[in-house]
Amino acid sequence: MPETYLTPEQVADRLQVNKMTIYRWLRTGKLKASLLSRKTYRIAESDLQVLMTATQNVVKSKNAGKLL
């Protein structure tokens, strides 16, 4: 199955964050993307999944010692 690529705006909509947050994550390396031109990014669905999994693992480890 071919890889699906998303714009930073589409990723921001999916994660319900501001698009500037996505651009910051791209600059800092928290999220990987392909640079098509000087200002045009495309983010692979698989790279978005890696970010979401990593974030979920951090949240789980922070909540490991807490009682609900």
N, C-alpha and C. Protein backbone atom coordinates (compact mmCIF):
# COMPACT_ATOMS: atom_id res chain seq x y z
N MET A 1 0.85 -1.18 0.00
CA MET A 1 0.00 0.00 0.00
C MET A 1 0.89 1.24 0.00
N PRO A 2 0.65 2.20 -0.88
CA PRO A 2 1.50 3.39 -0.95
C PRO A 2 1.36 4.27 0.30
N GLU A 3 2.43 4.95 0.63
CA GLU A 3 2.45 5.86 1.78
C GLU A 3 1.57 7.08 1.51
N THR A 4 0.87 7.53 2.53
CA THR A 4 0.06 8.74 2.44
C THR A 4 0.85 9.89 3.05
N TYR A 5 0.84 11.03 2.37
CA TYR A 5 1.54 12.22 2.84
C TYR A 5 0.55 13.33 3.16
N LEU A 6 0.83 14.04 4.23
CA LEU A 6 -0.05 15.10 4.71
C LEU A 6 0.69 16.43 4.76
N THR A 7 -0.06 17.50 4.62
CA THR A 7 0.51 18.83 4.81
C THR A 7 0.58 19.12 6.31
N PRO A 8 1.40 20.07 6.72
CA PRO A 8 1.42 20.45 8.14
C PRO A 8 0.04 20.90 8.65
N GLU A 9 -0.71 21.55 7.80
CA GLU A 9 -2.06 21.99 8.19
C GLU A 9 -2.97 20.79 8.45
N GLN A 10 -2.88 19.75 7.63
CA GLN A 10 -3.69 18.56 7.83
C GLN A 10 -3.31 17.86 9.13
N VAL A 11 -2.02 17.80 9.41
CA VAL A 11 -1.56 17.18 10.66
C VAL A 11 -2.07 17.98 11.85
N ALA A 12 -1.99 19.32 11.77
CA ALA A 12 -2.48 20.18 12.85
C ALA A 12 -3.97 19.93 13.09
N ASP A 13 -4.74 19.81 12.03
CA ASP A 13 -6.17 19.52 12.17
C ASP A 13 -6.40 18.18 12.85
N ARG A 14 -5.67 17.17 12.44
CA ARG A 14 -5.83 15.83 13.04
C ARG A 14 -5.49 15.83 14.53
N LEU A 15 -4.42 16.55 14.90
CA LEU A 15 -3.98 16.54 16.29
C LEU A 15 -4.63 17.64 17.12
N GLN A 16 -5.41 18.47 16.47
CA GLN A 16 -6.10 19.60 17.11
C GLN A 16 -5.12 20.51 17.82
N VAL A 17 -4.06 20.88 17.08
CA VAL A 17 -3.07 21.85 17.56
C VAL A 17 -2.94 22.94 16.50
N ASN A 18 -2.30 24.03 16.87
CA ASN A 18 -2.07 25.11 15.94
C ASN A 18 -1.03 24.67 14.90
N LYS A 19 -1.17 25.14 13.68
CA LYS A 19 -0.22 24.74 12.63
C LYS A 19 1.20 25.20 12.94
N MET A 20 1.34 26.28 13.70
CA MET A 20 2.67 26.74 14.08
C MET A 20 3.35 25.74 15.01
N THR A 21 2.58 25.00 15.78
CA THR A 21 3.13 23.93 16.61
C THR A 21 3.76 22.86 15.73
N ILE A 22 3.10 22.51 14.66
CA ILE A 22 3.63 21.51 13.74
C ILE A 22 4.93 22.00 13.11
N TYR A 23 4.95 23.26 12.68
CA TYR A 23 6.18 23.81 12.11
C TYR A 23 7.32 23.84 13.13
N ARG A 24 7.00 24.12 14.38
CA ARG A 24 8.03 24.09 15.43
C ARG A 24 8.55 22.67 15.62
N TRP A 25 7.65 21.68 15.62
CA TRP A 25 8.08 20.29 15.76
C TRP A 25 8.95 19.87 14.58
N LEU A 26 8.66 20.38 13.39
CA LEU A 26 9.48 20.08 12.22
C LEU A 26 10.87 20.69 12.38
N ARG A 27 10.93 21.93 12.82
CA ARG A 27 12.24 22.61 12.99
C ARG A 27 13.10 21.93 14.05
N THR A 28 12.47 21.47 15.14
CA THR A 28 13.22 20.88 16.24
C THR A 28 13.50 19.39 16.04
N GLY A 29 12.89 18.79 15.02
CA GLY A 29 13.12 17.38 14.75
C GLY A 29 12.20 16.43 15.50
N LYS A 30 11.24 16.96 16.23
CA LYS A 30 10.27 16.10 16.94
C LYS A 30 9.39 15.34 15.95
N LEU A 31 9.17 15.94 14.79
CA LEU A 31 8.37 15.33 13.73
C LEU A 31 9.17 15.37 12.44
N LYS A 32 9.25 14.24 11.75
CA LYS A 32 9.98 14.17 10.49
C LYS A 32 9.08 14.56 9.33
N ALA A 33 9.69 15.12 8.29
CA ALA A 33 8.95 15.49 7.08
C ALA A 33 9.90 15.53 5.90
N SER A 34 9.32 15.49 4.73
CA SER A 34 10.08 15.69 3.50
C SER A 34 9.90 17.13 3.08
N LEU A 35 11.00 17.76 2.72
CA LEU A 35 10.96 19.14 2.27
C LEU A 35 10.91 19.13 0.75
N LEU A 36 9.78 19.57 0.19
CA LEU A 36 9.60 19.56 -1.26
C LEU A 36 10.19 20.80 -1.91
N SER A 37 10.11 21.91 -1.22
CA SER A 37 10.73 23.15 -1.67
C SER A 37 11.09 23.93 -0.41
N ARG A 38 11.49 25.15 -0.57
CA ARG A 38 11.97 25.92 0.58
C ARG A 38 10.97 25.97 1.73
N LYS A 39 9.69 26.03 1.44
CA LYS A 39 8.67 26.16 2.49
C LYS A 39 7.56 25.12 2.39
N THR A 40 7.75 24.08 1.61
CA THR A 40 6.69 23.10 1.40
C THR A 40 7.10 21.76 2.01
N TYR A 41 6.37 21.38 3.06
CA TYR A 41 6.64 20.13 3.75
C TYR A 41 5.53 19.12 3.47
N ARG A 42 5.90 17.86 3.51
CA ARG A 42 4.93 16.77 3.49
C ARG A 42 5.35 15.78 4.57
N ILE A 43 4.38 15.35 5.35
CA ILE A 43 4.64 14.47 6.48
C ILE A 43 4.01 13.12 6.18
N ALA A 44 4.84 12.09 6.23
CA ALA A 44 4.35 10.74 5.98
C ALA A 44 3.45 10.31 7.13
N GLU A 45 2.39 9.63 6.79
CA GLU A 45 1.46 9.11 7.79
C GLU A 45 2.20 8.25 8.81
N SER A 46 3.18 7.48 8.36
CA SER A 46 3.94 6.62 9.25
C SER A 46 4.77 7.45 10.25
N ASP A 47 5.31 8.60 9.83
CA ASP A 47 6.05 9.46 10.74
C ASP A 47 5.13 10.11 11.76
N LEU A 48 3.93 10.44 11.36
CA LEU A 48 2.94 10.96 12.30
C LEU A 48 2.60 9.90 13.34
N GLN A 49 2.47 8.66 12.90
CA GLN A 49 2.17 7.56 13.81
C GLN A 49 3.30 7.36 14.82
N VAL A 50 4.55 7.50 14.37
CA VAL A 50 5.71 7.39 15.28
C VAL A 50 5.63 8.45 16.36
N LEU A 51 5.33 9.69 15.98
CA LEU A 51 5.20 10.77 16.95
C LEU A 51 4.09 10.48 17.95
N MET A 52 2.95 10.03 17.46
CA MET A 52 1.81 9.76 18.34
C MET A 52 2.12 8.62 19.31
N THR A 53 2.79 7.59 18.85
CA THR A 53 3.16 6.46 19.70
C THR A 53 4.16 6.91 20.77
N ALA A 54 5.16 7.69 20.37
CA ALA A 54 6.16 8.18 21.32
C ALA A 54 5.51 9.06 22.38
N THR A 55 4.61 9.91 21.97
CA THR A 55 3.91 10.80 22.90
C THR A 55 3.05 9.99 23.86
N GLN A 56 2.39 8.99 23.34
CA GLN A 56 1.54 8.14 24.18
C GLN A 56 2.37 7.40 25.21
N ASN A 57 3.56 6.93 24.83
CA ASN A 57 4.44 6.23 25.77
C ASN A 57 4.93 7.15 26.87
N VAL A 58 5.20 8.42 26.55
CA VAL A 58 5.64 9.38 27.56
C VAL A 58 4.52 9.63 28.55
N VAL A 59 3.31 9.79 28.05
CA VAL A 59 2.16 10.03 28.93
C VAL A 59 1.94 8.83 29.84
N LYS A 60 2.05 7.62 29.32
CA LYS A 60 1.87 6.42 30.12
C LYS A 60 2.92 6.34 31.22
N SER A 61 4.19 6.64 30.89
CA SER A 61 5.25 6.55 31.89
C SER A 61 5.09 7.61 32.96
N LYS A 62 4.59 8.79 32.62
CA LYS A 62 4.36 9.84 33.63
C LYS A 62 3.21 9.46 34.56
N ASN A 63 2.25 8.71 34.06
CA ASN A 63 1.09 8.34 34.86
C ASN A 63 1.26 7.00 35.54
N ALA A 64 2.39 6.33 35.37
CA ALA A 64 2.58 4.98 35.90
C ALA A 64 2.45 4.92 37.42
N GLY A 65 2.94 5.91 38.13
CA GLY A 65 2.91 5.88 39.59
C GLY A 65 1.70 6.53 40.22
N LYS A 66 0.83 7.08 39.43
CA LYS A 66 -0.33 7.80 39.95
C LYS A 66 -1.52 6.86 40.13
N LEU A 67 -2.24 7.09 41.18
CA LEU A 67 -3.49 6.35 41.40
C LEU A 67 -4.64 7.15 40.79
N LEU A 68 -5.55 6.45 40.18
CA LEU A 68 -6.70 7.13 39.56
C LEU A 68 -7.87 7.18 40.49
